[in-house]
C-alpha atoms as a PDB file:
ATOM      1  CA  MET A   1       0.000   0.000   0.000  1.00  0.00           C
ATOM      2  CA  ASP A   2       3.034   2.304  -0.026  1.00  0.00           C
ATOM      3  CA  TRP A   3       2.038   3.274  -3.562  1.00  0.00           C
ATOM      4  CA  LEU A   4      -0.626   5.475  -1.915  1.00  0.00           C
ATOM      5  CA  GLU A   5       2.044   7.659  -0.304  1.00  0.00           C
ATOM      6  CA  HIS A   6       1.667  11.233  -1.561  1.00  0.00           C
ATOM      7  CA  ARG A   7      -0.818  10.163  -4.246  1.00  0.00           C
ATOM      8  CA  ILE A   8      -4.110  11.682  -3.118  1.00  0.00           C
ATOM      9  CA  PRO A   9      -4.107  15.392  -2.255  1.00  0.00           C
ATOM     10  CA  PRO A  10      -5.089  15.862   1.416  1.00  0.00           C
ATOM     11  CA  PRO A  11      -7.998  18.219   0.575  1.00  0.00           C
ATOM     12  CA  LEU A  12      -9.448  15.419  -1.577  1.00  0.00           C
ATOM     13  CA  VAL A  13      -8.953  12.941   1.298  1.00  0.00           C
ATOM     14  CA  ALA A  14     -10.893  15.372   3.524  1.00  0.00           C
ATOM     15  CA  ILE A  15     -13.695  15.672   0.954  1.00  0.00           C
ATOM     16  CA  ILE A  16     -13.930  11.887   0.577  1.00  0.00           C
ATOM     17  CA  SER A  17     -14.007  11.551   4.378  1.00  0.00           C
ATOM     18  CA  GLY A  18     -16.753  14.163   4.544  1.00  0.00           C
ATOM     19  CA  LEU A  19     -18.804  12.284   1.948  1.00  0.00           C
ATOM     20  CA  LEU A  20     -18.373   9.032   3.877  1.00  0.00           C
ATOM     21  CA  MET A  21     -19.496  10.835   7.029  1.00  0.00           C
ATOM     22  CA  TRP A  22     -22.597  12.110   5.246  1.00  0.00           C
ATOM     23  CA  LEU A  23     -23.388   8.585   4.040  1.00  0.00           C
ATOM     24  CA  ALA A  24     -22.841   7.214   7.566  1.00  0.00           C
ATOM     25  CA  ALA A  25     -25.230   9.717   9.126  1.00  0.00           C
ATOM     26  CA  PRO A  26     -28.541   7.851   9.474  1.00  0.00           C
ATOM     27  CA  THR A  27     -30.685  10.828   8.460  1.00  0.00           C
ATOM     28  CA  LEU A  28     -30.434  14.531   8.756  1.00  0.00           C
ATOM     29  CA  ALA A  29     -32.497  15.423  11.786  1.00  0.00           C
ATOM     30  CA  PRO A  30     -33.910  18.926  12.014  1.00  0.00           C
ATOM     31  CA  LEU A  31     -31.077  21.436  12.197  1.00  0.00           C
ATOM     32  CA  GLY A  32     -32.023  23.105  15.449  1.00  0.00           C
ATOM     33  CA  GLY A  33     -28.895  24.616  16.943  1.00  0.00           C
ATOM     34  CA  ARG A  34     -26.491  22.270  15.182  1.00  0.00           C
ATOM     35  CA  LEU A  35     -25.620  24.803  12.510  1.00  0.00           C
ATOM     36  CA  TRP A  36     -24.650  27.363  15.162  1.00  0.00           C
ATOM     37  CA  LEU A  37     -22.599  24.760  17.008  1.00  0.00           C
ATOM     38  CA  ALA A  38     -20.897  23.474  13.851  1.00  0.00           C
ATOM     39  CA  LEU A  39     -20.080  26.845  12.278  1.00  0.00           C
ATOM     40  CA  PRO A  40     -17.498  28.017  14.874  1.00  0.00           C
ATOM     41  CA  VAL A  41     -15.809  24.599  14.753  1.00  0.00           C
ATOM     42  CA  VAL A  42     -15.566  24.730  10.957  1.00  0.00           C
ATOM     43  CA  LEU A  43     -14.316  28.325  11.053  1.00  0.00           C
ATOM     44  CA  ALA A  44     -11.670  27.368  13.630  1.00  0.00           C
ATOM     45  CA  GLY A  45     -10.516  24.581  11.302  1.00  0.00           C
ATOM     46  CA  VAL A  46     -10.329  26.983   8.365  1.00  0.00           C
ATOM     47  CA  ALA A  47      -8.326  29.438  10.489  1.00  0.00           C
ATOM     48  CA  VAL A  48      -5.834  26.717  11.488  1.00  0.00           C
ATOM     49  CA  CYS A  49      -5.412  25.684   7.818  1.00  0.00           C
ATOM     50  CA  LEU A  50      -4.910  29.274   6.695  1.00  0.00           C
ATOM     51  CA  ALA A  51      -2.388  29.929   9.471  1.00  0.00           C
ATOM     52  CA  GLY A  52      -0.354  26.989   8.182  1.00  0.00           C
ATOM     53  CA  VAL A  53      -0.518  28.229   4.591  1.00  0.00           C
ATOM     54  CA  ALA A  54       0.444  31.747   5.691  1.00  0.00           C
ATOM     55  CA  SER A  55       3.508  30.410   7.539  1.00  0.00           C
ATOM     56  CA  PHE A  56       4.579  28.511   4.413  1.00  0.00           C
ATOM     57  CA  ARG A  57       4.094  31.597   2.248  1.00  0.00           C
ATOM     58  CA  ARG A  58       6.145  33.739   4.635  1.00  0.00           C
ATOM     59  CA  ALA A  59       8.935  31.147   4.486  1.00  0.00           C
ATOM     60  CA  ARG A  60       8.625  31.082   0.665  1.00  0.00           C
ATOM     61  CA  THR A  61       8.514  27.307   0.507  1.00  0.00           C
ATOM     62  CA  THR A  62       6.179  24.919  -1.274  1.00  0.00           C
ATOM     63  CA  VAL A  63       2.702  24.258   0.050  1.00  0.00           C
ATOM     64  CA  ASN A  64       2.359  21.223  -2.245  1.00  0.00           C
ATOM     65  CA  PRO A  65       1.907  18.211   0.078  1.00  0.00           C
ATOM     66  CA  LEU A  66       2.566  15.758  -2.756  1.00  0.00           C
ATOM     67  CA  LYS A  67       6.183  16.888  -3.182  1.00  0.00           C
ATOM     68  CA  PRO A  68       7.724  17.398   0.295  1.00  0.00           C
ATOM     69  CA  GLU A  69      11.198  16.824  -1.120  1.00  0.00           C
ATOM     70  CA  SER A  70      10.910  20.188  -2.895  1.00  0.00           C
ATOM     71  CA  ALA A  71      10.739  22.099   0.412  1.00  0.00           C
ATOM     72  CA  SER A  72      13.263  24.918   0.440  1.00  0.00           C
ATOM     73  CA  SER A  73      13.076  25.612   4.172  1.00  0.00           C
ATOM     74  CA  LEU A  74      11.828  24.038   7.382  1.00  0.00           C
ATOM     75  CA  VAL A  75       8.894  26.058   8.677  1.00  0.00           C
ATOM     76  CA  ILE A  76       8.971  26.261  12.473  1.00  0.00           C
ATOM     77  CA  ALA A  77       7.460  29.696  13.135  1.00  0.00           C
ATOM     78  CA  GLY A  78       3.882  30.826  13.575  1.00  0.00           C
ATOM     79  CA  ILE A  79       1.395  28.052  14.174  1.00  0.00           C
ATOM     80  CA  TYR A  80       4.192  25.530  13.599  1.00  0.00           C
ATOM     81  CA  GLN A  81       5.333  26.268  17.140  1.00  0.00           C
ATOM     82  CA  TYR A  82       2.237  24.367  18.322  1.00  0.00           C
ATOM     83  CA  THR A  83       1.602  21.685  15.701  1.00  0.00           C
ATOM     84  CA  ARG A  84       3.760  20.180  12.970  1.00  0.00           C
ATOM     85  CA  ASN A  85       0.741  19.697  10.709  1.00  0.00           C
ATOM     86  CA  PRO A  86      -1.663  22.616  11.034  1.00  0.00           C
ATOM     87  CA  MET A  87      -3.228  22.145   7.612  1.00  0.00           C
ATOM     88  CA  TYR A  88      -4.104  18.512   8.329  1.00  0.00           C
ATOM     89  CA  LEU A  89      -5.214  19.454  11.833  1.00  0.00           C
ATOM     90  CA  GLY A  90      -7.418  22.153  10.309  1.00  0.00           C
ATOM     91  CA  PHE A  91      -9.014  19.620   7.955  1.00  0.00           C
ATOM     92  CA  ALA A  92      -9.686  17.292  10.901  1.00  0.00           C
ATOM     93  CA  ILE A  93     -11.313  20.156  12.837  1.00  0.00           C
ATOM     94  CA  ILE A  94     -13.449  21.028   9.803  1.00  0.00           C
ATOM     95  CA  LEU A  95     -14.537  17.375   9.629  1.00  0.00           C
ATOM     96  CA  LEU A  96     -15.427  17.515  13.346  1.00  0.00           C
ATOM     97  CA  GLY A  97     -17.590  20.545  12.606  1.00  0.00           C
ATOM     98  CA  TRP A  98     -19.221  18.615   9.752  1.00  0.00           C
ATOM     99  CA  CYS A  99     -19.887  15.790  12.218  1.00  0.00           C
ATOM    100  CA  VAL A 100     -21.591  18.240  14.580  1.00  0.00           C
ATOM    101  CA  PHE A 101     -23.665  19.576  11.683  1.00  0.00           C
ATOM    102  CA  LEU A 102     -24.683  16.045  10.679  1.00  0.00           C
ATOM    103  CA  GLY A 103     -25.658  15.311  14.278  1.00  0.00           C
ATOM    104  CA  SER A 104     -24.255  11.793  14.040  1.00  0.00           C
ATOM    105  CA  THR A 105     -21.735  10.179  16.346  1.00  0.00           C
ATOM    106  CA  LEU A 106     -21.333   7.438  13.719  1.00  0.00           C
ATOM    107  CA  ALA A 107     -19.886  10.098  11.415  1.00  0.00           C
ATOM    108  CA  LEU A 108     -16.900  10.390  13.788  1.00  0.00           C
ATOM    109  CA  ILE A 109     -15.559   7.326  11.998  1.00  0.00           C
ATOM    110  CA  GLY A 110     -14.884   9.598   9.012  1.00  0.00           C
ATOM    111  CA  VAL A 111     -12.692  11.872  11.129  1.00  0.00           C
ATOM    112  CA  ALA A 112     -10.789   8.859  12.455  1.00  0.00           C
ATOM    113  CA  LEU A 113     -10.313   7.478   8.928  1.00  0.00           C
ATOM    114  CA  PHE A 114      -9.015  10.857   7.750  1.00  0.00           C
ATOM    115  CA  VAL A 115      -6.488  11.035  10.602  1.00  0.00           C
ATOM    116  CA  LEU A 116      -5.348   7.438  10.091  1.00  0.00           C
ATOM    117  CA  TYR A 117      -4.964   7.854   6.329  1.00  0.00           C
ATOM    118  CA  ILE A 118      -3.125  11.189   6.604  1.00  0.00           C
ATOM    119  CA  ASN A 119      -0.821   9.831   9.320  1.00  0.00           C
ATOM    120  CA  HIS A 120       0.155   6.779   7.311  1.00  0.00           C
ATOM    121  CA  PHE A 121       0.172   7.932   3.681  1.00  0.00           C
ATOM    122  CA  GLN A 122       0.969  11.625   4.015  1.00  0.00           C
ATOM    123  CA  ILE A 123       2.674  12.620   7.268  1.00  0.00           C
ATOM    124  CA  ARG A 124       5.071   9.704   7.703  1.00  0.00           C
ATOM    125  CA  PRO A 125       6.420   9.978   4.134  1.00  0.00           C
ATOM    126  CA  GLU A 126       6.647  13.775   4.532  1.00  0.00           C
ATOM    127  CA  GLU A 127       8.620  13.325   7.727  1.00  0.00           C
ATOM    128  CA  ARG A 128      11.036  10.940   5.983  1.00  0.00           C
ATOM    129  CA  ALA A 129      11.606  13.495   3.217  1.00  0.00           C
ATOM    130  CA  LEU A 130      12.041  16.381   5.664  1.00  0.00           C
ATOM    131  CA  ARG A 131      14.443  14.330   7.787  1.00  0.00           C
ATOM    132  CA  GLU A 132      16.565  13.713   4.669  1.00  0.00           C
ATOM    133  CA  LEU A 133      16.487  17.408   3.759  1.00  0.00           C
ATOM    134  CA  PHE A 134      16.942  19.006   7.174  1.00  0.00           C
ATOM    135  CA  GLY A 135      18.457  16.260   9.379  1.00  0.00           C
ATOM    136  CA  ALA A 136      19.070  17.232  12.996  1.00  0.00           C
ATOM    137  CA  GLU A 137      17.117  20.488  12.633  1.00  0.00           C
ATOM    138  CA  PHE A 138      14.002  18.483  11.733  1.00  0.00           C
ATOM    139  CA  ASP A 139      14.628  15.999  14.565  1.00  0.00           C
ATOM    140  CA  ALA A 140      14.884  18.894  17.043  1.00  0.00           C
ATOM    141  CA  PHE A 141      11.632  20.336  15.669  1.00  0.00           C
ATOM    142  CA  CYS A 142       9.907  16.947  16.128  1.00  0.00           C
ATOM    143  CA  ALA A 143      11.181  16.751  19.697  1.00  0.00           C
ATOM    144  CA  ARG A 144       9.739  20.210  20.463  1.00  0.00           C
ATOM    145  CA  VAL A 145       6.426  20.136  18.591  1.00  0.00           C
ATOM    146  CA  ARG A 146       3.789  17.404  18.496  1.00  0.00           C
ATOM    147  CA  ARG A 147       2.534  15.935  15.227  1.00  0.00           C
ATOM    148  CA  TRP A 148      -1.085  17.017  15.744  1.00  0.00           C
ATOM    149  CA  VAL A 149      -1.578  18.998  18.993  1.00  0.00           C
END
């Protein structure tokens, strides 16, 4: 299954997870307050994603998750002081907000599948590439900052 490493763009993985969550939700119950509960969660996820992108832009390095070996610098400032993967964390938070909107605890399986897939097929290969590029600097970063939160 290593052929899946860096093959599917993470936003597409998040969309597929979201669709699976929607299919897993038994039925959409009346909205009630769910929209108002879900919206801040989704917005927080978007903010985390955008903070990660902004840090990459400031460092003038690639945002393309399918080619980590083309990174020109190790980004450790901004939100990267708190999480090594803010964009993936942001997607997971957005999916949690979607779960709240759907009103289905069964839909949480989609969030778990997203995290498992991204950990195995995206983050681990990225970390191998970054370790080759940045060596001890990357190892020190990993020792300081957690993968997710």
